[in-house]
N, C-alpha and C. Protein backbone atom coordinates (compact mmCIF):
# COMPACT_ATOMS: atom_id res chain seq x y z
N MET A 1 -37.72 6.98 -13.15
CA MET A 1 -37.26 6.21 -14.26
C MET A 1 -37.85 4.81 -14.20
N THR A 2 -38.30 4.18 -15.23
CA THR A 2 -38.93 2.85 -15.14
C THR A 2 -37.87 1.83 -15.52
N ASP A 3 -38.05 0.59 -15.16
CA ASP A 3 -36.96 -0.44 -15.47
C ASP A 3 -37.46 -1.07 -16.77
N GLY A 4 -38.30 -0.72 -17.58
CA GLY A 4 -38.65 -1.38 -18.77
C GLY A 4 -39.83 -2.20 -18.63
N GLN A 5 -40.32 -2.30 -17.29
CA GLN A 5 -41.41 -3.11 -17.03
C GLN A 5 -42.48 -2.31 -16.34
N GLY A 6 -42.34 -0.92 -16.44
CA GLY A 6 -43.35 -0.11 -15.89
C GLY A 6 -43.19 0.14 -14.52
N GLN A 7 -42.30 -0.42 -13.98
CA GLN A 7 -41.87 -0.45 -12.40
C GLN A 7 -40.80 0.73 -12.15
N ASP A 8 -40.85 1.51 -11.25
CA ASP A 8 -39.96 2.54 -10.74
C ASP A 8 -38.81 1.90 -10.12
N ASP A 9 -37.69 2.28 -10.66
CA ASP A 9 -36.49 1.75 -9.98
C ASP A 9 -35.96 2.54 -8.98
N GLY A 10 -36.70 3.71 -8.57
CA GLY A 10 -36.34 4.49 -7.39
C GLY A 10 -35.50 5.73 -8.04
N PRO A 11 -34.99 6.54 -7.05
CA PRO A 11 -34.27 7.64 -7.58
C PRO A 11 -33.00 7.45 -8.22
N GLN A 12 -32.78 8.15 -9.22
CA GLN A 12 -31.54 8.06 -10.11
C GLN A 12 -30.45 8.75 -9.31
N ALA A 13 -29.23 8.31 -9.16
CA ALA A 13 -28.12 8.91 -8.57
C ALA A 13 -27.05 9.61 -9.48
N GLN A 14 -27.53 10.33 -10.38
CA GLN A 14 -26.55 10.94 -11.35
C GLN A 14 -25.92 12.17 -10.72
N ASP A 15 -26.64 12.73 -9.65
CA ASP A 15 -25.94 13.92 -9.13
C ASP A 15 -24.99 13.54 -7.90
N GLY A 16 -24.84 12.26 -7.59
CA GLY A 16 -23.91 11.90 -6.51
C GLY A 16 -24.65 12.03 -5.17
N GLY A 17 -25.99 12.24 -5.19
CA GLY A 17 -26.73 12.38 -4.02
C GLY A 17 -26.67 11.08 -3.04
N PRO A 18 -27.49 11.04 -2.03
CA PRO A 18 -27.55 9.90 -1.15
C PRO A 18 -27.81 8.64 -1.78
N SER A 19 -28.59 8.52 -2.84
CA SER A 19 -28.93 7.17 -3.42
C SER A 19 -27.70 6.69 -4.40
N SER A 20 -26.76 7.63 -4.55
CA SER A 20 -25.68 7.17 -5.49
C SER A 20 -24.75 5.93 -4.95
N ARG A 21 -24.27 5.20 -5.74
CA ARG A 21 -23.28 3.94 -5.33
C ARG A 21 -22.07 4.62 -5.22
N ARG A 22 -21.28 4.16 -4.32
CA ARG A 22 -19.88 4.64 -4.06
C ARG A 22 -19.10 4.13 -5.41
N GLY A 23 -18.54 5.21 -6.07
CA GLY A 23 -17.69 4.94 -7.11
C GLY A 23 -18.48 4.54 -8.49
N GLY A 24 -19.71 4.61 -8.64
CA GLY A 24 -20.47 4.22 -9.86
C GLY A 24 -21.69 4.74 -9.98
N ARG A 25 -22.22 4.25 -11.20
CA ARG A 25 -23.63 4.73 -11.49
C ARG A 25 -24.66 3.68 -11.24
N ARG A 26 -25.88 3.87 -10.99
CA ARG A 26 -26.94 3.04 -10.89
C ARG A 26 -27.29 2.48 -12.28
N ARG A 27 -27.31 3.36 -13.35
CA ARG A 27 -27.72 2.89 -14.52
C ARG A 27 -26.36 2.52 -15.50
N ARG A 28 -26.69 1.68 -16.40
CA ARG A 28 -25.48 1.40 -17.31
C ARG A 28 -25.20 2.66 -18.24
N ALA A 29 -23.91 2.71 -18.67
CA ALA A 29 -23.45 3.75 -19.36
C ALA A 29 -24.18 3.78 -20.79
N ASN A 30 -24.42 4.98 -21.40
CA ASN A 30 -24.88 4.92 -22.64
C ASN A 30 -24.26 4.29 -23.64
N ALA A 31 -25.07 3.50 -24.54
CA ALA A 31 -24.43 2.70 -25.53
C ALA A 31 -24.52 3.50 -26.89
N LYS A 32 -23.36 3.45 -27.52
CA LYS A 32 -23.18 4.25 -28.78
C LYS A 32 -24.34 3.69 -29.74
N GLY A 33 -24.99 4.56 -30.26
CA GLY A 33 -26.06 4.32 -31.23
C GLY A 33 -27.46 3.82 -30.42
N GLY A 34 -27.40 3.83 -29.08
CA GLY A 34 -28.66 3.50 -28.36
C GLY A 34 -28.81 2.07 -28.27
N ARG A 35 -29.84 1.81 -27.54
CA ARG A 35 -30.37 0.35 -27.23
C ARG A 35 -31.70 0.30 -28.01
N HIS A 36 -31.91 -0.63 -28.94
CA HIS A 36 -33.10 -0.62 -29.68
C HIS A 36 -33.95 -1.86 -29.41
N HIS A 37 -33.51 -2.64 -28.67
CA HIS A 37 -34.28 -3.80 -28.21
C HIS A 37 -34.82 -3.72 -26.67
N ARG A 38 -36.06 -4.17 -26.58
CA ARG A 38 -36.58 -4.19 -25.23
C ARG A 38 -37.19 -5.34 -24.93
N HIS A 39 -36.95 -5.93 -23.67
CA HIS A 39 -37.64 -7.23 -23.11
C HIS A 39 -38.42 -6.91 -21.94
N GLU A 40 -39.58 -7.37 -22.02
CA GLU A 40 -40.57 -7.25 -20.85
C GLU A 40 -40.54 -8.63 -20.10
N VAL A 41 -40.39 -8.48 -18.87
CA VAL A 41 -40.27 -9.57 -17.91
C VAL A 41 -41.36 -9.50 -16.93
N LYS A 42 -42.26 -10.54 -16.79
CA LYS A 42 -43.29 -10.45 -15.77
C LYS A 42 -42.77 -11.39 -14.62
N VAL A 43 -42.96 -10.72 -13.41
CA VAL A 43 -42.60 -11.40 -12.28
C VAL A 43 -43.67 -11.26 -11.17
N THR A 44 -43.75 -12.18 -10.21
CA THR A 44 -44.64 -12.30 -9.06
C THR A 44 -44.20 -11.26 -8.19
N PRO A 45 -45.16 -10.81 -7.33
CA PRO A 45 -44.91 -9.79 -6.20
C PRO A 45 -43.62 -10.24 -5.41
N GLU A 46 -43.48 -11.44 -5.16
CA GLU A 46 -42.41 -11.81 -4.32
C GLU A 46 -40.99 -11.91 -5.14
N GLU A 47 -41.16 -12.19 -6.34
CA GLU A 47 -39.89 -12.10 -7.15
C GLU A 47 -39.49 -10.60 -7.32
N GLU A 48 -40.49 -9.76 -7.49
CA GLU A 48 -40.32 -8.10 -7.57
C GLU A 48 -39.62 -7.83 -6.28
N ALA A 49 -40.04 -8.17 -5.11
CA ALA A 49 -39.46 -7.83 -3.98
C ALA A 49 -37.91 -8.34 -3.80
N ARG A 50 -37.76 -9.47 -4.20
CA ARG A 50 -36.45 -10.03 -4.17
C ARG A 50 -35.54 -9.26 -5.12
N LEU A 51 -35.91 -8.97 -6.37
CA LEU A 51 -35.13 -8.12 -7.31
C LEU A 51 -34.80 -6.87 -6.81
N LEU A 52 -35.80 -6.30 -6.19
CA LEU A 52 -35.58 -4.90 -5.68
C LEU A 52 -34.44 -4.82 -4.50
N VAL A 53 -34.60 -5.93 -3.62
CA VAL A 53 -33.54 -5.89 -2.55
C VAL A 53 -32.27 -6.22 -3.18
N VAL A 54 -32.01 -7.20 -4.07
CA VAL A 54 -30.77 -7.41 -4.72
C VAL A 54 -30.15 -6.18 -5.39
N ALA A 55 -31.03 -5.62 -6.18
CA ALA A 55 -30.62 -4.36 -6.94
C ALA A 55 -30.19 -3.25 -6.01
N GLN A 56 -30.98 -3.06 -4.97
CA GLN A 56 -30.61 -2.03 -4.04
C GLN A 56 -29.36 -2.29 -3.29
N GLY A 57 -29.14 -3.79 -2.90
CA GLY A 57 -27.81 -4.04 -2.38
C GLY A 57 -26.64 -3.79 -3.25
N GLN A 58 -26.81 -4.03 -4.43
CA GLN A 58 -25.65 -3.70 -5.41
C GLN A 58 -25.73 -2.30 -5.81
N GLY A 59 -26.64 -1.56 -5.53
CA GLY A 59 -26.73 -0.13 -5.82
C GLY A 59 -26.89 0.11 -7.45
N VAL A 60 -27.74 -0.77 -8.00
CA VAL A 60 -28.11 -0.66 -9.46
C VAL A 60 -29.53 -0.71 -9.54
N THR A 61 -30.04 -0.46 -10.75
CA THR A 61 -31.44 -0.49 -11.10
C THR A 61 -31.67 -2.05 -11.41
N VAL A 62 -33.01 -2.45 -11.39
CA VAL A 62 -33.44 -3.67 -11.70
C VAL A 62 -33.07 -4.07 -13.02
N SER A 63 -33.31 -3.18 -13.94
CA SER A 63 -32.88 -3.49 -15.41
C SER A 63 -31.52 -3.80 -15.42
N ARG A 64 -30.57 -3.03 -14.84
CA ARG A 64 -29.25 -3.33 -14.98
C ARG A 64 -28.95 -4.57 -14.21
N LEU A 65 -29.38 -4.95 -13.23
CA LEU A 65 -29.21 -6.16 -12.48
C LEU A 65 -29.62 -7.35 -13.32
N LEU A 66 -30.80 -7.23 -14.10
CA LEU A 66 -31.13 -8.29 -14.80
C LEU A 66 -30.27 -8.61 -16.08
N VAL A 67 -29.85 -7.47 -16.76
CA VAL A 67 -28.83 -7.63 -17.82
C VAL A 67 -27.51 -8.05 -17.46
N GLU A 68 -27.04 -7.45 -16.34
CA GLU A 68 -25.63 -7.90 -15.90
C GLU A 68 -25.83 -9.49 -15.43
N SER A 69 -26.86 -9.86 -14.82
CA SER A 69 -27.01 -11.28 -14.33
C SER A 69 -26.92 -12.24 -15.46
N ALA A 70 -27.78 -11.87 -16.43
CA ALA A 70 -27.87 -12.69 -17.61
C ALA A 70 -26.71 -12.80 -18.47
N LEU A 71 -25.92 -11.81 -18.43
CA LEU A 71 -24.67 -11.83 -19.35
C LEU A 71 -23.49 -12.11 -18.42
N ALA A 72 -23.63 -12.42 -17.09
CA ALA A 72 -22.45 -12.76 -16.33
C ALA A 72 -21.64 -13.94 -16.75
N SER A 73 -20.51 -14.05 -16.16
CA SER A 73 -19.62 -15.12 -16.50
C SER A 73 -20.22 -16.45 -16.01
N GLU A 74 -19.52 -17.53 -16.25
CA GLU A 74 -19.97 -18.81 -15.77
C GLU A 74 -20.03 -18.83 -14.21
N ARG A 75 -19.23 -18.06 -13.52
CA ARG A 75 -19.10 -17.95 -12.10
C ARG A 75 -20.44 -17.30 -11.61
N GLY A 76 -21.12 -16.48 -12.46
CA GLY A 76 -22.25 -15.61 -11.97
C GLY A 76 -21.99 -14.44 -11.33
N GLU A 77 -20.78 -13.94 -11.61
CA GLU A 77 -20.35 -12.59 -11.20
C GLU A 77 -20.63 -11.54 -12.06
N THR A 78 -21.40 -10.56 -11.59
CA THR A 78 -21.75 -9.42 -12.59
C THR A 78 -20.70 -8.46 -12.73
N ALA A 79 -20.79 -7.56 -13.64
CA ALA A 79 -19.73 -6.41 -13.69
C ALA A 79 -19.70 -5.52 -12.63
N THR A 80 -20.96 -5.33 -12.08
CA THR A 80 -20.97 -4.48 -10.79
C THR A 80 -20.37 -5.24 -9.65
N GLU A 81 -20.47 -6.46 -9.50
CA GLU A 81 -19.78 -7.06 -8.47
C GLU A 81 -18.21 -7.12 -8.60
N ARG A 82 -17.76 -7.28 -9.82
CA ARG A 82 -16.39 -7.13 -10.21
C ARG A 82 -15.79 -5.80 -10.01
N ALA A 83 -16.70 -4.70 -10.19
CA ALA A 83 -16.17 -3.42 -10.09
C ALA A 83 -16.18 -3.14 -8.57
N ARG A 84 -17.07 -3.65 -7.79
CA ARG A 84 -17.17 -3.56 -6.34
C ARG A 84 -15.82 -4.21 -5.71
N LEU A 85 -15.67 -5.47 -6.32
CA LEU A 85 -14.47 -6.13 -5.60
C LEU A 85 -13.11 -5.35 -6.01
N LEU A 86 -12.93 -4.85 -7.23
CA LEU A 86 -11.80 -4.08 -7.60
C LEU A 86 -11.66 -2.96 -6.73
N THR A 87 -12.76 -2.19 -6.48
CA THR A 87 -12.71 -1.17 -5.50
C THR A 87 -12.22 -1.46 -4.13
N GLU A 88 -12.63 -2.58 -3.56
CA GLU A 88 -12.25 -3.04 -2.32
C GLU A 88 -10.85 -3.51 -2.33
N LEU A 89 -10.36 -4.10 -3.44
CA LEU A 89 -8.88 -4.43 -3.60
C LEU A 89 -8.05 -3.28 -3.46
N PHE A 90 -8.51 -2.33 -4.24
CA PHE A 90 -7.61 -0.98 -4.27
C PHE A 90 -7.56 -0.42 -2.79
N ALA A 91 -8.70 -0.48 -2.20
CA ALA A 91 -8.72 0.08 -0.72
C ALA A 91 -7.87 -0.81 0.15
N VAL A 92 -7.90 -2.03 -0.02
CA VAL A 92 -7.00 -2.89 0.82
C VAL A 92 -5.52 -2.60 0.36
N HIS A 93 -5.16 -2.35 -0.75
CA HIS A 93 -3.84 -2.12 -1.22
C HIS A 93 -3.29 -0.78 -0.47
N ARG A 94 -4.23 0.19 -0.58
CA ARG A 94 -3.96 1.47 0.10
C ARG A 94 -3.63 1.37 1.65
N THR A 95 -4.49 0.61 2.31
CA THR A 95 -4.35 0.30 3.72
C THR A 95 -3.09 -0.42 3.98
N LEU A 96 -2.90 -1.44 3.17
CA LEU A 96 -1.59 -2.23 3.35
C LEU A 96 -0.40 -1.53 3.20
N ALA A 97 -0.39 -0.53 2.21
CA ALA A 97 0.79 0.25 1.94
C ALA A 97 1.02 1.07 3.19
N GLY A 98 -0.03 1.66 3.79
CA GLY A 98 0.17 2.56 5.11
C GLY A 98 0.73 1.76 6.16
N VAL A 99 0.25 0.49 6.36
CA VAL A 99 0.63 -0.34 7.37
C VAL A 99 2.18 -0.77 7.12
N ALA A 100 2.43 -1.19 5.91
CA ALA A 100 3.77 -1.47 5.64
C ALA A 100 4.88 -0.22 5.99
N ASN A 101 4.31 0.88 5.59
CA ASN A 101 5.15 2.11 5.82
C ASN A 101 5.42 2.20 7.36
N ASN A 102 4.38 2.06 8.06
CA ASN A 102 4.35 2.04 9.75
C ASN A 102 5.39 1.07 10.26
N VAL A 103 5.17 -0.14 9.56
CA VAL A 103 6.18 -1.12 10.04
C VAL A 103 7.63 -0.82 9.78
N ASN A 104 7.93 -0.28 8.57
CA ASN A 104 9.22 0.25 8.27
C ASN A 104 9.66 1.41 9.24
N GLN A 105 8.95 2.11 9.58
CA GLN A 105 9.23 3.14 10.49
C GLN A 105 9.63 2.65 12.05
N ILE A 106 8.81 1.73 12.29
CA ILE A 106 9.16 0.90 13.59
C ILE A 106 10.50 0.22 13.59
N ALA A 107 10.68 -0.45 12.43
CA ALA A 107 12.03 -1.23 12.22
C ALA A 107 13.12 -0.18 12.05
N LYS A 108 12.95 0.81 11.51
CA LYS A 108 14.10 1.93 11.39
C LYS A 108 14.43 2.35 12.83
N LYS A 109 13.40 2.73 13.59
CA LYS A 109 13.69 3.22 15.17
C LYS A 109 14.37 2.14 15.86
N LEU A 110 13.85 0.83 15.70
CA LEU A 110 14.50 -0.32 16.50
C LEU A 110 15.96 -0.40 16.06
N HIS A 111 16.23 -0.45 14.80
CA HIS A 111 17.61 -0.48 14.50
C HIS A 111 18.57 0.70 14.94
N ALA A 112 17.96 1.72 14.92
CA ALA A 112 18.64 2.97 15.16
C ALA A 112 18.93 3.26 16.77
N THR A 113 17.81 2.80 17.56
CA THR A 113 17.87 3.14 18.93
C THR A 113 17.88 1.97 19.78
N GLY A 114 17.53 0.76 19.32
CA GLY A 114 17.43 -0.51 19.92
C GLY A 114 16.25 -0.62 20.69
N GLU A 115 15.26 0.39 20.72
CA GLU A 115 14.13 0.47 21.41
C GLU A 115 12.85 0.09 20.61
N LEU A 116 11.89 -0.60 21.08
CA LEU A 116 10.70 -0.94 20.32
C LEU A 116 9.75 0.24 20.45
N ALA A 117 9.20 0.69 19.29
CA ALA A 117 8.33 1.91 19.42
C ALA A 117 6.97 1.49 20.11
N VAL A 118 6.41 2.45 20.83
CA VAL A 118 5.29 2.22 21.75
C VAL A 118 3.97 1.88 20.82
N GLU A 119 3.97 2.32 19.49
CA GLU A 119 2.89 2.11 18.65
C GLU A 119 3.10 0.77 18.11
N THR A 120 3.84 -0.18 18.37
CA THR A 120 4.10 -1.42 17.67
C THR A 120 2.95 -2.34 17.74
N GLY A 121 2.28 -2.40 18.92
CA GLY A 121 1.20 -3.17 19.18
C GLY A 121 -0.01 -2.80 18.30
N VAL A 122 -0.14 -1.39 18.14
CA VAL A 122 -1.30 -0.86 17.21
C VAL A 122 -1.07 -1.18 15.85
N VAL A 123 0.26 -1.00 15.38
CA VAL A 123 0.55 -1.31 13.98
C VAL A 123 0.47 -2.79 13.65
N LEU A 124 0.82 -3.72 14.50
CA LEU A 124 0.62 -5.11 14.34
C LEU A 124 -0.80 -5.44 14.31
N GLY A 125 -1.59 -4.88 15.04
CA GLY A 125 -3.15 -5.04 15.03
C GLY A 125 -3.67 -4.68 13.79
N GLU A 126 -3.29 -3.49 13.22
CA GLU A 126 -3.70 -3.12 11.92
C GLU A 126 -3.30 -4.11 10.79
N ALA A 127 -2.07 -4.49 11.03
CA ALA A 127 -1.52 -5.51 9.97
C ALA A 127 -2.58 -6.73 10.06
N ARG A 128 -2.80 -7.22 11.28
CA ARG A 128 -3.79 -8.49 11.41
C ARG A 128 -5.11 -8.13 10.76
N ALA A 129 -5.61 -6.84 11.05
CA ALA A 129 -6.96 -6.52 10.47
C ALA A 129 -6.91 -6.56 9.04
N VAL A 130 -5.77 -5.93 8.51
CA VAL A 130 -5.74 -6.01 6.95
C VAL A 130 -5.71 -7.49 6.38
N MET A 131 -4.84 -8.39 7.05
CA MET A 131 -4.88 -9.74 6.66
C MET A 131 -6.30 -10.39 6.76
N ALA A 132 -6.91 -10.02 7.87
CA ALA A 132 -8.31 -10.60 8.03
C ALA A 132 -9.20 -10.10 6.80
N ARG A 133 -9.16 -8.93 6.33
CA ARG A 133 -9.81 -8.28 5.29
C ARG A 133 -9.53 -8.99 4.04
N ILE A 134 -8.25 -9.18 3.71
CA ILE A 134 -7.81 -9.79 2.54
C ILE A 134 -8.36 -11.28 2.51
N ASP A 135 -8.33 -12.01 3.63
CA ASP A 135 -9.02 -13.30 3.88
C ASP A 135 -10.38 -13.28 3.54
N GLY A 136 -11.20 -12.27 3.96
CA GLY A 136 -12.61 -12.19 3.66
C GLY A 136 -12.75 -11.99 2.11
N LEU A 137 -12.01 -11.22 1.49
CA LEU A 137 -12.07 -11.00 -0.08
C LEU A 137 -11.76 -12.43 -0.84
N ILE A 138 -10.80 -13.13 -0.28
CA ILE A 138 -10.43 -14.38 -0.85
C ILE A 138 -11.46 -15.32 -0.78
N ASP A 139 -12.23 -15.33 0.59
CA ASP A 139 -13.46 -16.23 0.66
C ASP A 139 -14.44 -15.95 -0.18
N GLY A 140 -14.72 -14.61 -0.51
CA GLY A 140 -15.69 -14.13 -1.39
C GLY A 140 -15.60 -14.46 -2.78
N LEU A 141 -14.21 -14.87 -3.13
CA LEU A 141 -13.82 -15.26 -4.58
C LEU A 141 -14.01 -16.76 -4.61
N ALA A 142 -14.09 -17.48 -3.58
CA ALA A 142 -14.11 -19.08 -3.70
C ALA A 142 -15.30 -19.37 -4.59
N LEU A 143 -15.06 -20.39 -5.34
CA LEU A 143 -15.97 -20.98 -6.20
C LEU A 143 -17.11 -21.84 -5.56
């Protein structure tokens, strides 16, 4: 498939194969009524290489990258970046829920028996790792 500039954007990942993005599509969803306008953008070989690296890093086509980047919010965040952030936040939420459950089990055992569970150190290490992951996400949101 070409990116509207005669350039191949690489394999399309509609079958969920190895080139597919986790949790999404490389191409934008079909627009009702289709897309009737086309823009041609000429770039240098160096710009093309940079566009390909960025698009591949985000798991999208160059065309999608250009449209999302141009229409991004003032912060410069694309819809793909927001979707990736939401996916990461949901994953952190699930992990944190698991750690919280483990902490509750440790507390229950401590209150019932007066003994600290042997896995306490591991669970507290997991809690610290989740907090570091959250800190990384927050740092990524910094303006």
